[in-house]
């Protein structure tokens, strides 16, 4: 089985960042001057470069040295989010039309990936790609409960569409299935999420592997009605023998206690 997309999508730097030499320590932020392909405005933008060490949450958000999605250039004049380099003429025409829409103009104060999701909708990109943009928007906007809920519901809708559109068992389908269940749980839909993950455990692609471990861990979270974010390290700990898990929980308890008294 190919490397899980949960690792592939840790940051997905995009065409701009791929042109930049990687840093050897942490995630580097650099500045470049670029031109907006929609309105022609020249502006300076911050871009990501380099690698970093991190874990991931079950909704794929990186945590650690990296704490969110890779930066997307945003035109200060028209608000266009440059989601890739080298737009085709057809894509550029549709992006210009999208930026002129009232819905897009109303979203100028929203996150870059939310607007990228709107652009992907107008470009009629595959559901999985649209879903990933709204998922990343949820990382950016999780400080706002209203925006977070909207982002998660949009991501859930498009991941569900991706599952329905899948013609064969493959990596994208498996990841769409996992994200569909994760988003249902995060939105408090514990019953449907639990049944969804239980059904996944019966599929060949989720037997005796890390995907199955994730699904089994999610079932336990649903039984506890836990809608909080969790990280993959917890899944790895979950699969360890009971006495090892107890030792891990004990260490975490005393570490948290020490942190409280240190404040």
Foldseek 3Di string as FASTA:
>chain_A
DDDAVLVVVLACQADVQVVDAADAEFKDKDKDWDADLQPGDIDIDIWIHHDYDFFAWLLSQTDDSHGAYTDFDADPPLRQTCRHPDDDPVLNVQSNVQSPDPVLVVCSVADSLVSVLSSCVSVVPQLLVSLVSLSRSLSVPVVPVVSNLVSLVSSLVSLVVNCVPDPDDDSSNLSSLSSNLLSCLLNLVLVVSLVSLVVVLPDPVLDPDLSVLSSVVSNVCSVVSHNDIGTSVVSVLVPDDPVSVVVVVVVVVVVVVVVVVVD
